[in-house]
C-alpha atoms as a PDB file:
ATOM      1  CA  MET A   1       0.154  -0.140   0.123  1.00  0.00           C
ATOM      2  CA  MET A   2       1.419   3.529  -1.092  1.00  0.00           C
ATOM      3  CA  ARG A   3       1.238   5.918   1.657  1.00  0.00           C
ATOM      4  CA  VAL A   4       0.132   9.392   0.863  1.00  0.00           C
ATOM      5  CA  LEU A   5       0.679  12.858   2.155  1.00  0.00           C
ATOM      6  CA  VAL A   6      -1.739  15.668   0.835  1.00  0.00           C
ATOM      7  CA  VAL A   7      -0.445  19.179   1.050  1.00  0.00           C
ATOM      8  CA  ASP A   8      -2.903  22.033   0.132  1.00  0.00           C
ATOM      9  CA  ASP A   9      -3.880  25.207   2.019  1.00  0.00           C
ATOM     10  CA  ASP A  10      -7.710  24.957   0.960  1.00  0.00           C
ATOM     11  CA  PHE A  11      -9.433  22.179   3.006  1.00  0.00           C
ATOM     12  CA  MET A  12     -12.234  21.624   0.532  1.00  0.00           C
ATOM     13  CA  VAL A  13      -9.283  20.902  -2.046  1.00  0.00           C
ATOM     14  CA  THR A  14      -7.719  18.319   0.468  1.00  0.00           C
ATOM     15  CA  ARG A  15     -10.811  16.635   0.652  1.00  0.00           C
ATOM     16  CA  ILE A  16     -11.491  16.187  -3.125  1.00  0.00           C
ATOM     17  CA  HIS A  17      -7.846  15.270  -3.539  1.00  0.00           C
ATOM     18  CA  THR A  18      -8.155  13.035  -0.638  1.00  0.00           C
ATOM     19  CA  ALA A  19     -11.043  11.245  -2.314  1.00  0.00           C
ATOM     20  CA  PHE A  20      -9.266  10.947  -5.484  1.00  0.00           C
ATOM     21  CA  VAL A  21      -6.413   8.907  -4.028  1.00  0.00           C
ATOM     22  CA  ASP A  22      -8.469   6.676  -2.148  1.00  0.00           C
ATOM     23  CA  ARG A  23     -10.228   5.715  -5.413  1.00  0.00           C
ATOM     24  CA  VAL A  24      -6.736   4.224  -6.710  1.00  0.00           C
ATOM     25  CA  ASP A  25      -6.315   0.719  -5.677  1.00  0.00           C
ATOM     26  CA  GLY A  26      -3.203   0.455  -3.448  1.00  0.00           C
ATOM     27  CA  PHE A  27      -2.925   4.044  -2.409  1.00  0.00           C
ATOM     28  CA  GLU A  28      -4.163   5.732   0.891  1.00  0.00           C
ATOM     29  CA  VAL A  29      -4.138   8.899   2.415  1.00  0.00           C
ATOM     30  CA  VAL A  30      -2.144   9.024   5.736  1.00  0.00           C
ATOM     31  CA  GLY A  31      -2.134  12.712   6.420  1.00  0.00           C
ATOM     32  CA  THR A  32      -3.055  16.188   5.372  1.00  0.00           C
ATOM     33  CA  ALA A  33      -1.193  19.612   5.562  1.00  0.00           C
ATOM     34  CA  ALA A  34      -2.102  23.077   4.995  1.00  0.00           C
ATOM     35  CA  THR A  35       1.208  25.000   5.141  1.00  0.00           C
ATOM     36  CA  ALA A  36       4.607  24.612   4.271  1.00  0.00           C
ATOM     37  CA  ALA A  37       5.866  24.463   7.883  1.00  0.00           C
ATOM     38  CA  ALA A  38       2.982  21.541   8.710  1.00  0.00           C
ATOM     39  CA  ALA A  39       4.115  19.818   5.326  1.00  0.00           C
ATOM     40  CA  ARG A  40       7.701  19.742   6.734  1.00  0.00           C
ATOM     41  CA  GLN A  41       6.705  18.454   9.926  1.00  0.00           C
ATOM     42  CA  GLU A  42       4.611  15.666   8.366  1.00  0.00           C
ATOM     43  CA  ILE A  43       6.925  14.406   5.705  1.00  0.00           C
ATOM     44  CA  ALA A  44       9.249  14.046   8.496  1.00  0.00           C
ATOM     45  CA  ARG A  45       6.972  12.399  10.688  1.00  0.00           C
ATOM     46  CA  LEU A  46       5.054   9.790   8.341  1.00  0.00           C
ATOM     47  CA  ASP A  47       7.929   9.263   5.847  1.00  0.00           C
ATOM     48  CA  PRO A  48       5.117   8.642   3.360  1.00  0.00           C
ATOM     49  CA  ASP A  49       5.829   7.175   0.053  1.00  0.00           C
ATOM     50  CA  LEU A  50       4.221  10.061  -2.013  1.00  0.00           C
ATOM     51  CA  VAL A  51       3.243  13.532  -1.485  1.00  0.00           C
ATOM     52  CA  LEU A  52       1.168  15.565  -3.327  1.00  0.00           C
ATOM     53  CA  LEU A  53       2.499  19.000  -2.989  1.00  0.00           C
ATOM     54  CA  ASP A  54       0.929  22.526  -3.905  1.00  0.00           C
ATOM     55  CA  VAL A  55       3.235  25.365  -4.852  1.00  0.00           C
ATOM     56  CA  HIS A  56       1.345  28.243  -3.554  1.00  0.00           C
ATOM     57  CA  LEU A  57       1.315  27.771   0.381  1.00  0.00           C
ATOM     58  CA  PRO A  58       0.194  30.865   2.985  1.00  0.00           C
ATOM     59  CA  ASP A  59       3.791  30.821   4.524  1.00  0.00           C
ATOM     60  CA  GLY A  60       5.821  29.864   1.700  1.00  0.00           C
ATOM     61  CA  SER A  61       6.501  28.201  -1.669  1.00  0.00           C
ATOM     62  CA  GLY A  62       5.838  24.198  -1.930  1.00  0.00           C
ATOM     63  CA  LEU A  63       9.108  24.171  -4.216  1.00  0.00           C
ATOM     64  CA  ASP A  64      11.189  24.920  -1.087  1.00  0.00           C
ATOM     65  CA  VAL A  65       9.391  22.478   0.762  1.00  0.00           C
ATOM     66  CA  LEU A  66      10.377  20.076  -2.121  1.00  0.00           C
ATOM     67  CA  ARG A  67      13.830  21.225  -2.051  1.00  0.00           C
ATOM     68  CA  ASP A  68      13.976  21.174   1.920  1.00  0.00           C
ATOM     69  CA  ALA A  69      12.604  17.341   1.810  1.00  0.00           C
ATOM     70  CA  ARG A  70      15.367  16.463  -0.470  1.00  0.00           C
ATOM     71  CA  HIS A  71      17.943  18.148   1.671  1.00  0.00           C
ATOM     72  CA  ASP A  72      17.027  16.203   4.549  1.00  0.00           C
ATOM     73  CA  GLY A  73      17.180  13.008   2.945  1.00  0.00           C
ATOM     74  CA  TYR A  74      13.533  12.258   2.318  1.00  0.00           C
ATOM     75  CA  ASP A  75      13.520   9.931  -0.748  1.00  0.00           C
ATOM     76  CA  GLY A  76       9.900   9.298  -1.435  1.00  0.00           C
ATOM     77  CA  GLY A  77       7.724  10.607  -4.411  1.00  0.00           C
ATOM     78  CA  ILE A  78       6.687  14.131  -4.744  1.00  0.00           C
ATOM     79  CA  ILE A  79       3.870  15.273  -7.322  1.00  0.00           C
ATOM     80  CA  MET A  80       3.301  18.919  -7.492  1.00  0.00           C
ATOM     81  CA  ILE A  81      -0.287  19.633  -7.611  1.00  0.00           C
ATOM     82  CA  THR A  82      -0.774  23.302  -8.410  1.00  0.00           C
ATOM     83  CA  ALA A  83      -2.503  26.166 -10.453  1.00  0.00           C
ATOM     84  CA  ALA A  84       0.977  27.547 -11.116  1.00  0.00           C
ATOM     85  CA  ARG A  85       2.021  27.251 -15.057  1.00  0.00           C
ATOM     86  CA  GLU A  86       4.962  29.361 -14.907  1.00  0.00           C
ATOM     87  CA  ALA A  87       7.822  28.005 -16.711  1.00  0.00           C
ATOM     88  CA  GLU A  88      10.034  28.773 -13.664  1.00  0.00           C
ATOM     89  CA  SER A  89       8.091  26.547 -11.449  1.00  0.00           C
ATOM     90  CA  VAL A  90       7.777  23.798 -13.713  1.00  0.00           C
ATOM     91  CA  ARG A  91      11.858  23.789 -14.047  1.00  0.00           C
ATOM     92  CA  ALA A  92      12.408  24.288 -10.366  1.00  0.00           C
ATOM     93  CA  ALA A  93      10.165  21.181  -9.724  1.00  0.00           C
ATOM     94  CA  ALA A  94      11.709  18.887 -12.266  1.00  0.00           C
ATOM     95  CA  ALA A  95      15.165  20.183 -10.803  1.00  0.00           C
ATOM     96  CA  GLY A  96      14.230  19.238  -7.473  1.00  0.00           C
ATOM     97  CA  GLY A  97      13.199  15.733  -8.193  1.00  0.00           C
ATOM     98  CA  ALA A  98       9.507  15.990  -8.540  1.00  0.00           C
ATOM     99  CA  ALA A  99       7.777  12.787  -9.939  1.00  0.00           C
ATOM    100  CA  ALA A 100       5.053  14.827 -12.061  1.00  0.00           C
ATOM    101  CA  TYR A 101       3.633  18.165 -12.161  1.00  0.00           C
ATOM    102  CA  LEU A 102      -0.278  18.387 -12.366  1.00  0.00           C
ATOM    103  CA  VAL A 103      -1.874  21.598 -13.195  1.00  0.00           C
ATOM    104  CA  LYS A 104      -5.174  22.427 -11.400  1.00  0.00           C
ATOM    105  CA  PRO A 105      -7.967  22.115 -12.228  1.00  0.00           C
ATOM    106  CA  PHE A 106      -8.051  18.000 -13.152  1.00  0.00           C
ATOM    107  CA  GLU A 107     -10.302  15.119 -12.961  1.00  0.00           C
ATOM    108  CA  GLN A 108      -9.555  12.080 -10.798  1.00  0.00           C
ATOM    109  CA  PRO A 109      -8.304   9.809 -13.954  1.00  0.00           C
ATOM    110  CA  ASP A 110      -5.803  12.866 -14.347  1.00  0.00           C
ATOM    111  CA  LEU A 111      -4.264  11.873 -10.867  1.00  0.00           C
ATOM    112  CA  ALA A 112      -5.040   8.280 -11.206  1.00  0.00           C
ATOM    113  CA  LEU A 113      -2.611   8.100 -14.241  1.00  0.00           C
ATOM    114  CA  ARG A 114       0.184   9.895 -12.168  1.00  0.00           C
ATOM    115  CA  LEU A 115      -0.163   7.419  -9.415  1.00  0.00           C
ATOM    116  CA  GLU A 116      -0.258   4.578 -11.249  1.00  0.00           C
ATOM    117  CA  ASP A 117       2.818   5.597 -13.529  1.00  0.00           C
ATOM    118  CA  PHE A 118       4.679   6.334 -10.215  1.00  0.00           C
ATOM    119  CA  ARG A 119       4.024   3.018  -8.729  1.00  0.00           C
ATOM    120  CA  ALA A 120       4.938   1.396 -12.204  1.00  0.00           C
ATOM    121  CA  ARG A 121       8.323   3.057 -12.030  1.00  0.00           C
ATOM    122  CA  ARG A 122       9.015   2.507  -8.821  1.00  0.00           C
ATOM    123  CA  ALA A 123       8.041  -1.153  -9.033  1.00  0.00           C
ATOM    124  CA  ALA A 124      10.316  -1.386 -12.131  1.00  0.00           C
ATOM    125  CA  LEU A 125      13.375  -0.062 -10.075  1.00  0.00           C
ATOM    126  CA  ASP A 126      12.688  -2.528  -7.142  1.00  0.00           C
ATOM    127  CA  ALA A 127      12.541  -5.455  -9.240  1.00  0.00           C
ATOM    128  CA  GLY A 128      16.096  -4.568 -10.646  1.00  0.00           C
ATOM    129  CA  SER A 129      18.854  -2.125 -11.446  1.00  0.00           C
ATOM    130  CA  ASP A 130      19.452  -2.945 -15.037  1.00  0.00           C
ATOM    131  CA  GLN A 131      19.359  -0.059 -17.545  1.00  0.00           C
ATOM    132  CA  GLN A 132      15.844  -0.848 -18.514  1.00  0.00           C
ATOM    133  CA  ALA A 133      14.605  -0.449 -15.205  1.00  0.00           C
ATOM    134  CA  ILE A 134      16.333   2.573 -14.486  1.00  0.00           C
ATOM    135  CA  ASP A 135      14.977   3.838 -18.057  1.00  0.00           C
ATOM    136  CA  ALA A 136      11.563   2.999 -16.609  1.00  0.00           C
ATOM    137  CA  TYR A 137      11.912   4.685 -13.258  1.00  0.00           C
ATOM    138  CA  PHE A 138      12.718   8.095 -14.978  1.00  0.00           C
ATOM    139  CA  ALA A 139      10.282   7.435 -17.872  1.00  0.00           C
ATOM    140  CA  ARG A 140      12.768   8.053 -20.560  1.00  0.00           C
ATOM    141  CA  ALA A 141      13.228   4.918 -22.370  1.00  0.00           C
ATOM    142  CA  PRO A 142      15.461   5.073 -25.455  1.00  0.00           C
ATOM    143  CA  ALA A 143      13.973   4.698 -29.118  1.00  0.00           C
ATOM    144  CA  GLY A 144      12.496   1.129 -29.279  1.00  0.00           C
ATOM    145  CA  ALA A 145      12.875   0.179 -25.468  1.00  0.00           C
ATOM    146  CA  ALA A 146       9.508  -0.656 -23.971  1.00  0.00           C
ATOM    147  CA  THR A 147       8.191   1.439 -21.048  1.00  0.00           C
ATOM    148  CA  PRO A 148       5.900  -0.721 -18.484  1.00  0.00           C
ATOM    149  CA  LEU A 149       2.442   0.671 -18.805  1.00  0.00           C
ATOM    150  CA  PRO A 150       0.282   1.154 -15.386  1.00  0.00           C
ATOM    151  CA  LYS A 151      -2.207  -1.275 -14.478  1.00  0.00           C
ATOM    152  CA  GLY A 152      -4.901  -1.797 -16.324  1.00  0.00           C
ATOM    153  CA  LEU A 153      -3.574  -0.394 -19.976  1.00  0.00           C
ATOM    154  CA  SER A 154      -2.664  -2.858 -23.000  1.00  0.00           C
ATOM    155  CA  GLU A 155       0.165  -2.520 -25.329  1.00  0.00           C
ATOM    156  CA  PRO A 156      -2.151  -3.120 -28.514  1.00  0.00           C
ATOM    157  CA  THR A 157      -4.385  -0.130 -27.334  1.00  0.00           C
ATOM    158  CA  ALA A 158      -1.511   2.026 -26.524  1.00  0.00           C
ATOM    159  CA  SER A 159       0.166   1.694 -29.809  1.00  0.00           C
ATOM    160  CA  ALA A 160      -3.234   2.657 -31.500  1.00  0.00           C
ATOM    161  CA  VAL A 161      -3.739   5.643 -29.547  1.00  0.00           C
ATOM    162  CA  LEU A 162      -0.178   6.589 -30.116  1.00  0.00           C
ATOM    163  CA  GLU A 163      -0.783   6.006 -33.832  1.00  0.00           C
ATOM    164  CA  VAL A 164      -3.780   8.051 -33.932  1.00  0.00           C
ATOM    165  CA  LEU A 165      -1.874  10.769 -31.719  1.00  0.00           C
ATOM    166  CA  ARG A 166       1.056  10.967 -34.230  1.00  0.00           C
ATOM    167  CA  GLY A 167      -1.203  11.154 -37.480  1.00  0.00           C
ATOM    168  CA  ARG A 168      -3.119  14.240 -36.128  1.00  0.00           C
ATOM    169  CA  ALA A 169      -1.900  17.876 -35.078  1.00  0.00           C
ATOM    170  CA  ASP A 170      -3.967  17.482 -32.019  1.00  0.00           C
ATOM    171  CA  LEU A 171      -7.247  15.732 -30.985  1.00  0.00           C
ATOM    172  CA  SER A 172      -9.388  15.394 -27.986  1.00  0.00           C
ATOM    173  CA  ALA A 173     -10.012  12.320 -26.043  1.00  0.00           C
ATOM    174  CA  VAL A 174     -13.291  11.742 -27.652  1.00  0.00           C
ATOM    175  CA  GLU A 175     -11.753  12.265 -31.317  1.00  0.00           C
ATOM    176  CA  CYS A 176      -9.196   9.533 -30.150  1.00  0.00           C
ATOM    177  CA  ALA A 177     -12.010   7.217 -28.874  1.00  0.00           C
ATOM    178  CA  ASP A 178     -13.973   7.490 -32.123  1.00  0.00           C
ATOM    179  CA  GLU A 179     -10.885   6.818 -34.307  1.00  0.00           C
ATOM    180  CA  ILE A 180      -9.764   3.376 -32.645  1.00  0.00           C
ATOM    181  CA  GLY A 181     -13.576   2.415 -31.092  1.00  0.00           C
ATOM    182  CA  VAL A 182     -13.337   2.752 -27.368  1.00  0.00           C
ATOM    183  CA  ALA A 183     -14.547   4.454 -24.492  1.00  0.00           C
ATOM    184  CA  ARG A 184     -13.742   8.196 -24.141  1.00  0.00           C
ATOM    185  CA  VAL A 185     -12.412   7.666 -20.568  1.00  0.00           C
ATOM    186  CA  THR A 186     -10.225   4.801 -21.823  1.00  0.00           C
ATOM    187  CA  ALA A 187      -8.907   7.078 -24.339  1.00  0.00           C
ATOM    188  CA  ARG A 188      -8.138   9.769 -22.019  1.00  0.00           C
ATOM    189  CA  ARG A 189      -6.420   7.160 -19.778  1.00  0.00           C
ATOM    190  CA  TYR A 190      -3.851   6.240 -22.465  1.00  0.00           C
ATOM    191  CA  LEU A 191      -3.179  10.159 -23.571  1.00  0.00           C
ATOM    192  CA  GLU A 192      -2.955  11.174 -19.859  1.00  0.00           C
ATOM    193  CA  HIS A 193      -0.031   8.392 -19.729  1.00  0.00           C
ATOM    194  CA  PHE A 194       1.624   9.534 -23.036  1.00  0.00           C
ATOM    195  CA  VAL A 195       1.591  13.172 -21.365  1.00  0.00           C
ATOM    196  CA  ALA A 196       2.895  11.795 -17.901  1.00  0.00           C
ATOM    197  CA  THR A 197       5.714   9.902 -19.773  1.00  0.00           C
ATOM    198  CA  GLY A 198       6.753  12.746 -22.036  1.00  0.00           C
ATOM    199  CA  ARG A 199       5.445  11.532 -25.157  1.00  0.00           C
ATOM    200  CA  ALA A 200       2.365  13.815 -25.738  1.00  0.00           C
ATOM    201  CA  ALA A 201       1.633  17.349 -24.624  1.00  0.00           C
ATOM    202  CA  VAL A 202      -1.907  18.801 -23.679  1.00  0.00           C
ATOM    203  CA  ARG A 203      -3.476  22.328 -23.719  1.00  0.00           C
ATOM    204  CA  HIS A 204      -6.758  23.519 -23.036  1.00  0.00           C
ATOM    205  CA  ASN A 205      -9.070  24.850 -25.706  1.00  0.00           C
ATOM    206  CA  TYR A 206     -11.157  27.288 -24.016  1.00  0.00           C
ATOM    207  CA  GLU A 207     -13.221  28.518 -27.076  1.00  0.00           C
ATOM    208  CA  THR A 208     -15.714  25.575 -26.487  1.00  0.00           C
ATOM    209  CA  GLY A 209     -18.114  28.114 -24.712  1.00  0.00           C
ATOM    210  CA  GLY A 210     -18.342  25.942 -21.816  1.00  0.00           C
ATOM    211  CA  ARG A 211     -15.752  23.385 -20.033  1.00  0.00           C
ATOM    212  CA  PRO A 212     -12.351  23.635 -21.182  1.00  0.00           C
ATOM    213  CA  GLU A 213     -11.423  20.967 -23.743  1.00  0.00           C
ATOM    214  CA  ARG A 214      -8.090  18.987 -23.185  1.00  0.00           C
ATOM    215  CA  ARG A 215      -6.334  18.633 -26.706  1.00  0.00           C
ATOM    216  CA  TYR A 216      -3.167  16.340 -27.225  1.00  0.00           C
ATOM    217  CA  ARG A 217      -0.327  16.444 -29.538  1.00  0.00           C
ATOM    218  CA  ALA A 218       2.471  13.989 -29.773  1.00  0.00           C
ATOM    219  CA  LEU A 219       5.882  15.199 -28.948  1.00  0.00           C
END
């Protein structure tokens, strides 16, 4: 069981993210924190497997918490969950060793994919430290090498989604689902997996007149 600490200054957001985590098999929330100071204390006290960490906290930056945690020897996973989109924040998170960077607002499947990718990379490294396992852990497999898929995803469907993705300038999960004949939620899981592992990018289309549409393109 992966033990998770949720750090966010908005108690309603904390409740939502906790519920999101609890819907993913093998993950449980063991603590929450609303400030940078509390986050540091809870990381030291709980030593969780994974921290969901907001950037903007009332008494400091989550990026400083990330750097301090690494300096203090914390070697668990940290996923930045934030509304901060600035390139500087993204680069700082990557340099600090964040496992992923997820921009608010998002839906439960978006977080579930990051959790499953984190678990798959951790499992690959725990099973052995050969080059393939190391590549899988960093999600940077060389051309032709296989990156383990999260639980519930299959290689044939992943290949079909990737082929459609590479054949279009960009597309939505609905368009992808129609192309390959799967459910929208299924197509979205694969598309988000490719985003999480660096093989696709996503942007929000705000011209729909309603909820922003997520559109994906191959990298």
